[in-house]
PDB file of N, CA and C in Angstrom:
ATOM      1  N   MET A   1       3.691 -17.797   0.743  1.00  0.00           N
ATOM      2  CA  MET A   1       2.595 -17.173   1.491  1.00  0.00           C
ATOM      3  C   MET A   1       1.418 -17.025   0.523  1.00  0.00           C
ATOM      4  N   ALA A   2       0.256 -17.412   0.953  1.00  0.00           N
ATOM      5  CA  ALA A   2      -0.947 -17.297   0.119  1.00  0.00           C
ATOM      6  C   ALA A   2      -1.448 -15.879   0.055  1.00  0.00           C
ATOM      7  N   ARG A   3      -1.934 -15.504  -1.157  1.00  0.00           N
ATOM      8  CA  ARG A   3      -2.570 -14.209  -1.289  1.00  0.00           C
ATOM      9  C   ARG A   3      -3.849 -14.139  -0.508  1.00  0.00           C
ATOM     10  N   ALA A   4      -4.296 -12.958  -0.122  1.00  0.00           N
ATOM     11  CA  ALA A   4      -5.501 -12.763   0.647  1.00  0.00           C
ATOM     12  C   ALA A   4      -6.712 -13.350  -0.081  1.00  0.00           C
ATOM     13  N   ILE A   5      -6.804 -13.164  -1.374  1.00  0.00           N
ATOM     14  CA  ILE A   5      -7.927 -13.704  -2.111  1.00  0.00           C
ATOM     15  C   ILE A   5      -7.951 -15.192  -2.094  1.00  0.00           C
ATOM     16  N   ASP A   6      -6.762 -15.831  -2.188  1.00  0.00           N
ATOM     17  CA  ASP A   6      -6.664 -17.249  -2.148  1.00  0.00           C
ATOM     18  C   ASP A   6      -7.125 -17.835  -0.772  1.00  0.00           C
ATOM     19  N   ARG A   7      -6.749 -17.079   0.281  1.00  0.00           N
ATOM     20  CA  ARG A   7      -7.163 -17.467   1.620  1.00  0.00           C
ATOM     21  C   ARG A   7      -8.694 -17.336   1.746  1.00  0.00           C
ATOM     22  N   ALA A   8      -9.251 -16.250   1.192  1.00  0.00           N
ATOM     23  CA  ALA A   8     -10.696 -16.005   1.309  1.00  0.00           C
ATOM     24  C   ALA A   8     -11.496 -17.066   0.545  1.00  0.00           C
ATOM     25  N   VAL A   9     -11.023 -17.465  -0.615  1.00  0.00           N
ATOM     26  CA  VAL A   9     -11.723 -18.411  -1.442  1.00  0.00           C
ATOM     27  C   VAL A   9     -11.516 -19.821  -0.927  1.00  0.00           C
ATOM     28  N   ASP A  10     -10.313 -20.116  -0.408  1.00  0.00           N
ATOM     29  CA  ASP A  10     -10.002 -21.379   0.214  1.00  0.00           C
ATOM     30  C   ASP A  10     -10.388 -22.583  -0.657  1.00  0.00           C
ATOM     31  N   GLY A  11     -10.003 -22.457  -1.962  1.00  0.00           N
ATOM     32  CA  GLY A  11     -10.203 -23.561  -2.883  1.00  0.00           C
ATOM     33  C   GLY A  11     -11.597 -23.753  -3.419  1.00  0.00           C
ATOM     34  N   ARG A  12     -12.576 -22.938  -2.996  1.00  0.00           N
ATOM     35  CA  ARG A  12     -13.954 -23.060  -3.492  1.00  0.00           C
ATOM     36  C   ARG A  12     -13.990 -22.531  -4.912  1.00  0.00           C
ATOM     37  N   ILE A  13     -14.927 -23.052  -5.729  1.00  0.00           N
ATOM     38  CA  ILE A  13     -15.085 -22.597  -7.092  1.00  0.00           C
ATOM     39  C   ILE A  13     -16.435 -21.858  -7.255  1.00  0.00           C
ATOM     40  N   ASP A  14     -17.254 -21.783  -6.232  1.00  0.00           N
ATOM     41  CA  ASP A  14     -18.513 -21.045  -6.333  1.00  0.00           C
ATOM     42  C   ASP A  14     -18.860 -20.511  -4.941  1.00  0.00           C
ATOM     43  N   GLY A  15     -19.893 -19.659  -4.897  1.00  0.00           N
ATOM     44  CA  GLY A  15     -20.336 -19.083  -3.657  1.00  0.00           C
ATOM     45  C   GLY A  15     -19.657 -17.782  -3.388  1.00  0.00           C
ATOM     46  N   PRO A  16     -20.019 -17.129  -2.289  1.00  0.00           N
ATOM     47  CA  PRO A  16     -19.502 -15.771  -2.014  1.00  0.00           C
ATOM     48  C   PRO A  16     -18.033 -15.809  -1.639  1.00  0.00           C
ATOM     49  N   ILE A  17     -17.319 -14.740  -2.039  1.00  0.00           N
ATOM     50  CA  ILE A  17     -15.918 -14.632  -1.675  1.00  0.00           C
ATOM     51  C   ILE A  17     -15.802 -14.213  -0.204  1.00  0.00           C
ATOM     52  N   LEU A  18     -16.521 -13.171   0.139  1.00  0.00           N
ATOM     53  CA  LEU A  18     -16.500 -12.702   1.543  1.00  0.00           C
ATOM     54  C   LEU A  18     -17.647 -13.329   2.289  1.00  0.00           C
ATOM     55  N   ARG A  19     -17.278 -14.082   3.325  1.00  0.00           N
ATOM     56  CA  ARG A  19     -18.306 -14.807   4.086  1.00  0.00           C
ATOM     57  C   ARG A  19     -18.240 -14.449   5.554  1.00  0.00           C
ATOM     58  N   THR A  20     -19.370 -14.670   6.231  1.00  0.00           N
ATOM     59  CA  THR A  20     -19.394 -14.491   7.658  1.00  0.00           C
ATOM     60  C   THR A  20     -18.749 -15.721   8.331  1.00  0.00           C
ATOM     61  N   SER A  21     -18.652 -15.671   9.623  1.00  0.00           N
ATOM     62  CA  SER A  21     -18.066 -16.828  10.351  1.00  0.00           C
ATOM     63  C   SER A  21     -18.958 -18.062  10.195  1.00  0.00           C
ATOM     64  N   ARG A  22     -20.227 -17.905   9.842  1.00  0.00           N
ATOM     65  CA  ARG A  22     -21.090 -19.060   9.606  1.00  0.00           C
ATOM     66  C   ARG A  22     -21.035 -19.553   8.143  1.00  0.00           C
ATOM     67  N   GLY A  23     -20.298 -18.844   7.311  1.00  0.00           N
ATOM     68  CA  GLY A  23     -20.136 -19.287   5.924  1.00  0.00           C
ATOM     69  C   GLY A  23     -21.179 -18.637   4.970  1.00  0.00           C
ATOM     70  N   THR A  24     -22.040 -17.747   5.472  1.00  0.00           N
ATOM     71  CA  THR A  24     -23.042 -17.108   4.635  1.00  0.00           C
ATOM     72  C   THR A  24     -22.436 -15.845   4.003  1.00  0.00           C
ATOM     73  N   ARG A  25     -23.119 -15.342   2.962  1.00  0.00           N
ATOM     74  CA  ARG A  25     -22.655 -14.121   2.312  1.00  0.00           C
ATOM     75  C   ARG A  25     -22.735 -12.957   3.288  1.00  0.00           C
ATOM     76  N   MET A  26     -21.681 -12.140   3.247  1.00  0.00           N
ATOM     77  CA  MET A  26     -21.580 -10.952   4.092  1.00  0.00           C
ATOM     78  C   MET A  26     -22.584  -9.877   3.585  1.00  0.00           C
ATOM     79  N   ASP A  27     -23.325  -9.323   4.501  1.00  0.00           N
ATOM     80  CA  ASP A  27     -24.174  -8.153   4.124  1.00  0.00           C
ATOM     81  C   ASP A  27     -23.409  -6.876   4.500  1.00  0.00           C
ATOM     82  N   ARG A  28     -23.952  -5.733   4.128  1.00  0.00           N
ATOM     83  CA  ARG A  28     -23.239  -4.488   4.321  1.00  0.00           C
ATOM     84  C   ARG A  28     -22.952  -4.183   5.762  1.00  0.00           C
ATOM     85  N   HIS A  29     -23.834  -4.610   6.704  1.00  0.00           N
ATOM     86  CA  HIS A  29     -23.608  -4.408   8.126  1.00  0.00           C
ATOM     87  C   HIS A  29     -22.402  -5.215   8.657  1.00  0.00           C
ATOM     88  N   CYS A  30     -22.406  -6.454   8.217  1.00  0.00           N
ATOM     89  CA  CYS A  30     -21.274  -7.316   8.607  1.00  0.00           C
ATOM     90  C   CYS A  30     -19.949  -6.796   8.012  1.00  0.00           C
ATOM     91  N   ALA A  31     -20.000  -6.356   6.764  1.00  0.00           N
ATOM     92  CA  ALA A  31     -18.786  -5.779   6.148  1.00  0.00           C
ATOM     93  C   ALA A  31     -18.326  -4.513   6.868  1.00  0.00           C
ATOM     94  N   THR A  32     -19.223  -3.707   7.344  1.00  0.00           N
ATOM     95  CA  THR A  32     -18.890  -2.502   8.064  1.00  0.00           C
ATOM     96  C   THR A  32     -18.220  -2.872   9.400  1.00  0.00           C
ATOM     97  N   ARG A  33     -18.791  -3.819  10.097  1.00  0.00           N
ATOM     98  CA  ARG A  33     -18.190  -4.272  11.367  1.00  0.00           C
ATOM     99  C   ARG A  33     -16.799  -4.869  11.137  1.00  0.00           C
ATOM    100  N   ARG A  34     -16.643  -5.677  10.098  1.00  0.00           N
ATOM    101  CA  ARG A  34     -15.339  -6.270   9.808  1.00  0.00           C
ATOM    102  C   ARG A  34     -14.341  -5.169   9.468  1.00  0.00           C
ATOM    103  N   LEU A  35     -14.735  -4.191   8.688  1.00  0.00           N
ATOM    104  CA  LEU A  35     -13.852  -3.087   8.316  1.00  0.00           C
ATOM    105  C   LEU A  35     -13.420  -2.318   9.525  1.00  0.00           C
ATOM    106  N   HIS A  36     -14.349  -2.046  10.430  1.00  0.00           N
ATOM    107  CA  HIS A  36     -13.962  -1.329  11.664  1.00  0.00           C
ATOM    108  C   HIS A  36     -12.988  -2.079  12.513  1.00  0.00           C
ATOM    109  N   ARG A  37     -13.180  -3.399  12.636  1.00  0.00           N
ATOM    110  CA  ARG A  37     -12.262  -4.259  13.399  1.00  0.00           C
ATOM    111  C   ARG A  37     -10.885  -4.276  12.800  1.00  0.00           C
ATOM    112  N   LEU A  38     -10.786  -4.397  11.416  1.00  0.00           N
ATOM    113  CA  LEU A  38      -9.539  -4.428  10.745  1.00  0.00           C
ATOM    114  C   LEU A  38      -8.822  -3.072  10.853  1.00  0.00           C
ATOM    115  N   ALA A  39      -9.607  -1.990  10.738  1.00  0.00           N
ATOM    116  CA  ALA A  39      -8.963  -0.643  10.882  1.00  0.00           C
ATOM    117  C   ALA A  39      -8.428  -0.427  12.289  1.00  0.00           C
ATOM    118  N   GLU A  40      -9.216  -0.844  13.248  1.00  0.00           N
ATOM    119  CA  GLU A  40      -8.746  -0.687  14.630  1.00  0.00           C
ATOM    120  C   GLU A  40      -7.494  -1.514  14.907  1.00  0.00           C
ATOM    121  N   ALA A  41      -7.456  -2.723  14.376  1.00  0.00           N
ATOM    122  CA  ALA A  41      -6.260  -3.572  14.538  1.00  0.00           C
ATOM    123  C   ALA A  41      -5.069  -2.984  13.854  1.00  0.00           C
ATOM    124  N   GLY A  42      -5.298  -2.271  12.721  1.00  0.00           N
ATOM    125  CA  GLY A  42      -4.203  -1.657  12.018  1.00  0.00           C
ATOM    126  C   GLY A  42      -3.857  -0.250  12.431  1.00  0.00           C
ATOM    127  N   GLY A  43      -4.599   0.243  13.436  1.00  0.00           N
ATOM    128  CA  GLY A  43      -4.330   1.573  13.909  1.00  0.00           C
ATOM    129  C   GLY A  43      -4.825   2.675  13.013  1.00  0.00           C
ATOM    130  N   VAL A  44      -5.782   2.380  12.179  1.00  0.00           N
ATOM    131  CA  VAL A  44      -6.329   3.382  11.227  1.00  0.00           C
ATOM    132  C   VAL A  44      -7.566   4.006  11.875  1.00  0.00           C
ATOM    133  N   HIS A  45      -7.557   5.322  11.909  1.00  0.00           N
ATOM    134  CA  HIS A  45      -8.674   6.061  12.532  1.00  0.00           C
ATOM    135  C   HIS A  45      -9.215   7.053  11.506  1.00  0.00           C
ATOM    136  N   VAL A  46     -10.374   6.747  10.908  1.00  0.00           N
ATOM    137  CA  VAL A  46     -11.014   7.583   9.925  1.00  0.00           C
ATOM    138  C   VAL A  46     -12.456   7.792  10.396  1.00  0.00           C
ATOM    139  N   ALA A  47     -12.939   9.009  10.419  1.00  0.00           N
ATOM    140  CA  ALA A  47     -14.291   9.274  10.816  1.00  0.00           C
ATOM    141  C   ALA A  47     -15.237   8.689   9.764  1.00  0.00           C
ATOM    142  N   ARG A  48     -16.276   8.103  10.242  1.00  0.00           N
ATOM    143  CA  ARG A  48     -17.350   7.514   9.428  1.00  0.00           C
ATOM    144  C   ARG A  48     -16.835   6.595   8.327  1.00  0.00           C
ATOM    145  N   MET A  49     -16.053   5.642   8.689  1.00  0.00           N
ATOM    146  CA  MET A  49     -15.498   4.673   7.763  1.00  0.00           C
ATOM    147  C   MET A  49     -16.601   3.699   7.310  1.00  0.00           C
ATOM    148  N   HIS A  50     -16.622   3.354   6.045  1.00  0.00           N
ATOM    149  CA  HIS A  50     -17.638   2.437   5.542  1.00  0.00           C
ATOM    150  C   HIS A  50     -17.018   1.630   4.422  1.00  0.00           C
ATOM    151  N   PRO A  51     -17.594   0.461   4.090  1.00  0.00           N
ATOM    152  CA  PRO A  51     -17.026  -0.378   3.025  1.00  0.00           C
ATOM    153  C   PRO A  51     -17.006   0.272   1.660  1.00  0.00           C
ATOM    154  N   HIS A  52     -17.925   1.207   1.403  1.00  0.00           N
ATOM    155  CA  HIS A  52     -17.879   1.843   0.073  1.00  0.00           C
ATOM    156  C   HIS A  52     -16.606   2.640  -0.152  1.00  0.00           C
ATOM    157  N   MET A  53     -15.930   3.026   0.925  1.00  0.00           N
ATOM    158  CA  MET A  53     -14.637   3.689   0.802  1.00  0.00           C
ATOM    159  C   MET A  53     -13.641   2.787   0.039  1.00  0.00           C
ATOM    160  N   LEU A  54     -13.724   1.452   0.318  1.00  0.00           N
ATOM    161  CA  LEU A  54     -12.838   0.536  -0.408  1.00  0.00           C
ATOM    162  C   LEU A  54     -13.131   0.487  -1.886  1.00  0.00           C
ATOM    163  N   ARG A  55     -14.436   0.506  -2.214  1.00  0.00           N
ATOM    164  CA  ARG A  55     -14.843   0.518  -3.623  1.00  0.00           C
ATOM    165  C   ARG A  55     -14.381   1.795  -4.287  1.00  0.00           C
ATOM    166  N   HIS A  56     -14.569   2.937  -3.610  1.00  0.00           N
ATOM    167  CA  HIS A  56     -14.147   4.207  -4.136  1.00  0.00           C
ATOM    168  C   HIS A  56     -12.652   4.226  -4.383  1.00  0.00           C
ATOM    169  N   THR A  57     -11.873   3.721  -3.437  1.00  0.00           N
ATOM    170  CA  THR A  57     -10.432   3.640  -3.605  1.00  0.00           C
ATOM    171  C   THR A  57     -10.050   2.756  -4.795  1.00  0.00           C
ATOM    172  N   PHE A  58     -10.725   1.638  -4.982  1.00  0.00           N
ATOM    173  CA  PHE A  58     -10.488   0.736  -6.102  1.00  0.00           C
ATOM    174  C   PHE A  58     -10.693   1.422  -7.408  1.00  0.00           C
ATOM    175  N   VAL A  59     -11.813   2.127  -7.571  1.00  0.00           N
ATOM    176  CA  VAL A  59     -12.152   2.795  -8.806  1.00  0.00           C
ATOM    177  C   VAL A  59     -11.218   3.980  -9.060  1.00  0.00           C
ATOM    178  N   THR A  60     -11.028   4.843  -8.044  1.00  0.00           N
ATOM    179  CA  THR A  60     -10.195   6.017  -8.284  1.00  0.00           C
ATOM    180  C   THR A  60      -8.737   5.647  -8.531  1.00  0.00           C
ATOM    181  N   THR A  61      -8.230   4.598  -7.871  1.00  0.00           N
ATOM    182  CA  THR A  61      -6.864   4.172  -8.115  1.00  0.00           C
ATOM    183  C   THR A  61      -6.683   3.697  -9.541  1.00  0.00           C
ATOM    184  N   MET A  62      -7.669   2.937 -10.043  1.00  0.00           N
ATOM    185  CA  MET A  62      -7.581   2.515 -11.481  1.00  0.00           C
ATOM    186  C   MET A  62      -7.624   3.675 -12.405  1.00  0.00           C
ATOM    187  N   LEU A  63      -8.479   4.650 -12.150  1.00  0.00           N
ATOM    188  CA  LEU A  63      -8.568   5.847 -13.030  1.00  0.00           C
ATOM    189  C   LEU A  63      -7.267   6.618 -12.958  1.00  0.00           C
ATOM    190  N   ASP A  64      -6.731   6.831 -11.749  1.00  0.00           N
ATOM    191  CA  ASP A  64      -5.453   7.553 -11.622  1.00  0.00           C
ATOM    192  C   ASP A  64      -4.302   6.856 -12.271  1.00  0.00           C
ATOM    193  N   ALA A  65      -4.386   5.527 -12.380  1.00  0.00           N
ATOM    194  CA  ALA A  65      -3.284   4.729 -12.975  1.00  0.00           C
ATOM    195  C   ALA A  65      -3.431   4.742 -14.514  1.00  0.00           C
ATOM    196  N   GLY A  66      -4.490   5.358 -14.998  1.00  0.00           N
ATOM    197  CA  GLY A  66      -4.662   5.467 -16.444  1.00  0.00           C
ATOM    198  C   GLY A  66      -5.449   4.323 -17.116  1.00  0.00           C
ATOM    199  N   VAL A  67      -6.060   3.482 -16.295  1.00  0.00           N
ATOM    200  CA  VAL A  67      -6.852   2.374 -16.885  1.00  0.00           C
ATOM    201  C   VAL A  67      -8.017   3.007 -17.653  1.00  0.00           C
ATOM    202  N   ASP A  68      -8.288   2.449 -18.842  1.00  0.00           N
ATOM    203  CA  ASP A  68      -9.346   2.944 -19.698  1.00  0.00           C
ATOM    204  C   ASP A  68     -10.681   2.985 -18.947  1.00  0.00           C
ATOM    205  N   LEU A  69     -11.472   4.031 -19.165  1.00  0.00           N
ATOM    206  CA  LEU A  69     -12.741   4.211 -18.445  1.00  0.00           C
ATOM    207  C   LEU A  69     -13.631   2.997 -18.675  1.00  0.00           C
ATOM    208  N   ARG A  70     -13.709   2.477 -19.848  1.00  0.00           N
ATOM    209  CA  ARG A  70     -14.558   1.316 -20.117  1.00  0.00           C
ATOM    210  C   ARG A  70     -14.113   0.109 -19.302  1.00  0.00           C
ATOM    211  N   ASP A  71     -12.838  -0.132 -19.149  1.00  0.00           N
ATOM    212  CA  ASP A  71     -12.336  -1.252 -18.361  1.00  0.00           C
ATOM    213  C   ASP A  71     -12.644  -1.047 -16.889  1.00  0.00           C
ATOM    214  N   VAL A  72     -12.507   0.184 -16.401  1.00  0.00           N
ATOM    215  CA  VAL A  72     -12.894   0.484 -14.992  1.00  0.00           C
ATOM    216  C   VAL A  72     -14.369   0.271 -14.821  1.00  0.00           C
ATOM    217  N   GLN A  73     -15.142   0.712 -15.786  1.00  0.00           N
ATOM    218  CA  GLN A  73     -16.620   0.535 -15.706  1.00  0.00           C
ATOM    219  C   GLN A  73     -16.964  -0.947 -15.569  1.00  0.00           C
ATOM    220  N   ILE A  74     -16.352  -1.765 -16.358  1.00  0.00           N
ATOM    221  CA  ILE A  74     -16.619  -3.226 -16.326  1.00  0.00           C
ATOM    222  C   ILE A  74     -16.153  -3.792 -14.973  1.00  0.00           C
ATOM    223  N   ALA A  75     -14.983  -3.393 -14.514  1.00  0.00           N
ATOM    224  CA  ALA A  75     -14.487  -3.939 -13.262  1.00  0.00           C
ATOM    225  C   ALA A  75     -15.370  -3.526 -12.060  1.00  0.00           C
ATOM    226  N   ALA A  76     -15.914  -2.298 -12.147  1.00  0.00           N
ATOM    227  CA  ALA A  76     -16.741  -1.820 -11.065  1.00  0.00           C
ATOM    228  C   ALA A  76     -18.219  -2.273 -11.216  1.00  0.00           C
ATOM    229  N   ARG A  77     -18.510  -2.929 -12.386  1.00  0.00           N
ATOM    230  CA  ARG A  77     -19.861  -3.402 -12.643  1.00  0.00           C
ATOM    231  C   ARG A  77     -20.845  -2.260 -12.686  1.00  0.00           C
ATOM    232  N   HIS A  78     -20.437  -1.158 -13.292  1.00  0.00           N
ATOM    233  CA  HIS A  78     -21.343   0.008 -13.478  1.00  0.00           C
ATOM    234  C   HIS A  78     -22.031  -0.165 -14.867  1.00  0.00           C
ATOM    235  N   ALA A  79     -23.368  -0.020 -14.885  1.00  0.00           N
ATOM    236  CA  ALA A  79     -24.081  -0.111 -16.168  1.00  0.00           C
ATOM    237  C   ALA A  79     -23.839   1.103 -17.006  1.00  0.00           C
ATOM    238  N   ASP A  80     -23.649   2.261 -16.371  1.00  0.00           N
ATOM    239  CA  ASP A  80     -23.497   3.509 -17.107  1.00  0.00           C
ATOM    240  C   ASP A  80     -22.137   4.127 -16.880  1.00  0.00           C
ATOM    241  N   PRO A  81     -21.389   4.496 -17.925  1.00  0.00           N
ATOM    242  CA  PRO A  81     -20.051   5.108 -17.697  1.00  0.00           C
ATOM    243  C   PRO A  81     -20.136   6.402 -16.918  1.00  0.00           C
ATOM    244  N   ARG A  82     -21.273   7.085 -16.885  1.00  0.00           N
ATOM    245  CA  ARG A  82     -21.354   8.299 -16.085  1.00  0.00           C
ATOM    246  C   ARG A  82     -21.205   8.026 -14.585  1.00  0.00           C
ATOM    247  N   THR A  83     -21.655   6.824 -14.187  1.00  0.00           N
ATOM    248  CA  THR A  83     -21.477   6.467 -12.799  1.00  0.00           C
ATOM    249  C   THR A  83     -19.991   6.334 -12.454  1.00  0.00           C
ATOM    250  N   THR A  84     -19.238   5.693 -13.353  1.00  0.00           N
ATOM    251  CA  THR A  84     -17.809   5.570 -13.147  1.00  0.00           C
ATOM    252  C   THR A  84     -17.120   6.899 -13.168  1.00  0.00           C
ATOM    253  N   MET A  85     -17.566   7.830 -14.050  1.00  0.00           N
ATOM    254  CA  MET A  85     -16.959   9.152 -14.121  1.00  0.00           C
ATOM    255  C   MET A  85     -17.089   9.941 -12.839  1.00  0.00           C
ATOM    256  N   ARG A  86     -18.103   9.680 -12.065  1.00  0.00           N
ATOM    257  CA  ARG A  86     -18.294  10.394 -10.823  1.00  0.00           C
ATOM    258  C   ARG A  86     -17.147  10.135  -9.812  1.00  0.00           C
ATOM    259  N   TYR A  87     -16.485   9.011 -10.014  1.00  0.00           N
ATOM    260  CA  TYR A  87     -15.368   8.679  -9.136  1.00  0.00           C
ATOM    261  C   TYR A  87     -14.070   9.360  -9.571  1.00  0.00           C
ATOM    262  N   ASP A  88     -14.054   9.922 -10.759  1.00  0.00           N
ATOM    263  CA  ASP A  88     -12.837  10.495 -11.333  1.00  0.00           C
ATOM    264  C   ASP A  88     -12.506  11.817 -10.732  1.00  0.00           C
ATOM    265  N   ARG A  89     -11.576  11.854  -9.824  1.00  0.00           N
ATOM    266  CA  ARG A  89     -11.204  13.100  -9.173  1.00  0.00           C
ATOM    267  C   ARG A  89     -10.373  13.989 -10.064  1.00  0.00           C
ATOM    268  N   ALA A  90      -9.808  13.439 -11.116  1.00  0.00           N
ATOM    269  CA  ALA A  90      -8.866  14.185 -11.972  1.00  0.00           C
ATOM    270  C   ALA A  90      -9.588  14.713 -13.235  1.00  0.00           C
ATOM    271  N   ARG A  91     -10.851  14.935 -13.200  1.00  0.00           N
ATOM    272  CA  ARG A  91     -11.591  15.427 -14.393  1.00  0.00           C
ATOM    273  C   ARG A  91     -11.049  16.722 -14.870  1.00  0.00           C
ATOM    274  N   LYS A  92     -10.486  17.535 -14.023  1.00  0.00           N
ATOM    275  CA  LYS A  92      -9.979  18.842 -14.406  1.00  0.00           C
ATOM    276  C   LYS A  92      -8.571  18.756 -14.951  1.00  0.00           C
ATOM    277  N   ASN A  93      -7.975  17.596 -14.956  1.00  0.00           N
ATOM    278  CA  ASN A  93      -6.597  17.414 -15.484  1.00  0.00           C
ATOM    279  C   ASN A  93      -6.663  17.471 -16.997  1.00  0.00           C
ATOM    280  N   LEU A  94      -6.025  18.467 -17.634  1.00  0.00           N
ATOM    281  CA  LEU A  94      -6.107  18.673 -19.089  1.00  0.00           C
ATOM    282  C   LEU A  94      -5.621  17.439 -19.842  1.00  0.00           C
ATOM    283  N   ASP A  95      -4.607  16.780 -19.288  1.00  0.00           N
ATOM    284  CA  ASP A  95      -4.054  15.603 -20.009  1.00  0.00           C
ATOM    285  C   ASP A  95      -5.111  14.528 -20.249  1.00  0.00           C
ATOM    286  N   ARG A  96      -6.153  14.517 -19.443  1.00  0.00           N
ATOM    287  CA  ARG A  96      -7.173  13.478 -19.566  1.00  0.00           C
ATOM    288  C   ARG A  96      -8.458  14.040 -20.152  1.00  0.00           C
ATOM    289  N   HIS A  97      -8.487  15.317 -20.450  1.00  0.00           N
ATOM    290  CA  HIS A  97      -9.701  15.884 -21.032  1.00  0.00           C
ATOM    291  C   HIS A  97      -9.848  15.446 -22.460  1.00  0.00           C
ATOM    292  N   PRO A  98     -11.041  15.043 -22.914  1.00  0.00           N
ATOM    293  CA  PRO A  98     -11.226  14.537 -24.271  1.00  0.00           C
ATOM    294  C   PRO A  98     -10.808  15.519 -25.350  1.00  0.00           C
ATOM    295  N   ASN A  99     -11.075  16.812 -25.111  1.00  0.00           N
ATOM    296  CA  ASN A  99     -10.628  17.794 -26.125  1.00  0.00           C
ATOM    297  C   ASN A  99      -9.122  17.874 -26.273  1.00  0.00           C
ATOM    298  N   TYR A 100      -8.410  17.802 -25.159  1.00  0.00           N
ATOM    299  CA  TYR A 100      -6.962  17.818 -25.195  1.00  0.00           C
ATOM    300  C   TYR A 100      -6.419  16.567 -25.884  1.00  0.00           C
ATOM    301  N   ILE A 101      -7.000  15.432 -25.609  1.00  0.00           N
ATOM    302  CA  ILE A 101      -6.585  14.157 -26.228  1.00  0.00           C
ATOM    303  C   ILE A 101      -6.801  14.228 -27.750  1.00  0.00           C
ATOM    304  N   LEU A 102      -7.959  14.774 -28.160  1.00  0.00           N
ATOM    305  CA  LEU A 102      -8.212  14.909 -29.588  1.00  0.00           C
ATOM    306  C   LEU A 102      -7.268  15.877 -30.240  1.00  0.00           C
ATOM    307  N   ALA A 103      -7.010  17.016 -29.595  1.00  0.00           N
ATOM    308  CA  ALA A 103      -6.077  17.967 -30.158  1.00  0.00           C
ATOM    309  C   ALA A 103      -4.664  17.375 -30.259  1.00  0.00           C
ATOM    310  N   ALA A 104      -4.214  16.600 -29.240  1.00  0.00           N
ATOM    311  CA  ALA A 104      -2.898  15.997 -29.302  1.00  0.00           C
ATOM    312  C   ALA A 104      -2.846  14.949 -30.441  1.00  0.00           C
ATOM    313  N   TYR A 105      -3.917  14.215 -30.644  1.00  0.00           N
ATOM    314  CA  TYR A 105      -3.980  13.231 -31.705  1.00  0.00           C
ATOM    315  C   TYR A 105      -3.886  13.921 -33.062  1.00  0.00           C
ATOM    316  N   MET A 106      -4.637  15.003 -33.212  1.00  0.00           N
ATOM    317  CA  MET A 106      -4.635  15.712 -34.534  1.00  0.00           C
ATOM    318  C   MET A 106      -3.289  16.393 -34.751  1.00  0.00           C
ATOM    319  N   ALA A 107      -2.655  16.925 -33.744  1.00  0.00           N
ATOM    320  CA  ALA A 107      -1.367  17.573 -33.907  1.00  0.00           C
ATOM    321  C   ALA A 107      -0.272  16.579 -34.263  1.00  0.00           C
ATOM    322  N   ALA A 108      -0.454  15.307 -33.843  1.00  0.00           N
ATOM    323  CA  ALA A 108       0.560  14.277 -34.180  1.00  0.00           C
ATOM    324  C   ALA A 108       0.488  13.883 -35.635  1.00  0.00           C
ATOM    325  N   GLY A 109      -0.626  14.230 -36.312  1.00  0.00           N
ATOM    326  CA  GLY A 109      -0.746  13.959 -37.737  1.00  0.00           C
ATOM    327  C   GLY A 109      -1.056  12.491 -38.033  1.00  0.00           C
ATOM    328  N   THR A 110      -1.618  11.789 -37.061  1.00  0.00           N
ATOM    329  CA  THR A 110      -1.911  10.348 -37.277  1.00  0.00           C
ATOM    330  C   THR A 110      -3.367  10.152 -37.523  1.00  0.00           C
TER     331      THR A 110
END
């Protein structure tokens, strides 16, 4: 079974990944309509659903999984790491706080 990205690209080596039925690049309105149709078909009901929710899920899931902030920033194509940090819901988690990490490093004697 082909992966979704392989089906979307369909062997092409350039051009947009997400296309309209006419083969042109999807704009935000088309993406919103497509997302609503997919959600309806899947029985998902969320108030004010929009494509940015997918981007938010992508970034927060990587951060929750412990992916380095710089790597998430690159994947999300954010120019400024502060933009990426706004997605981090776990900022109050002491295990991820810079001071805690520094203290643990110093306590380890390395």
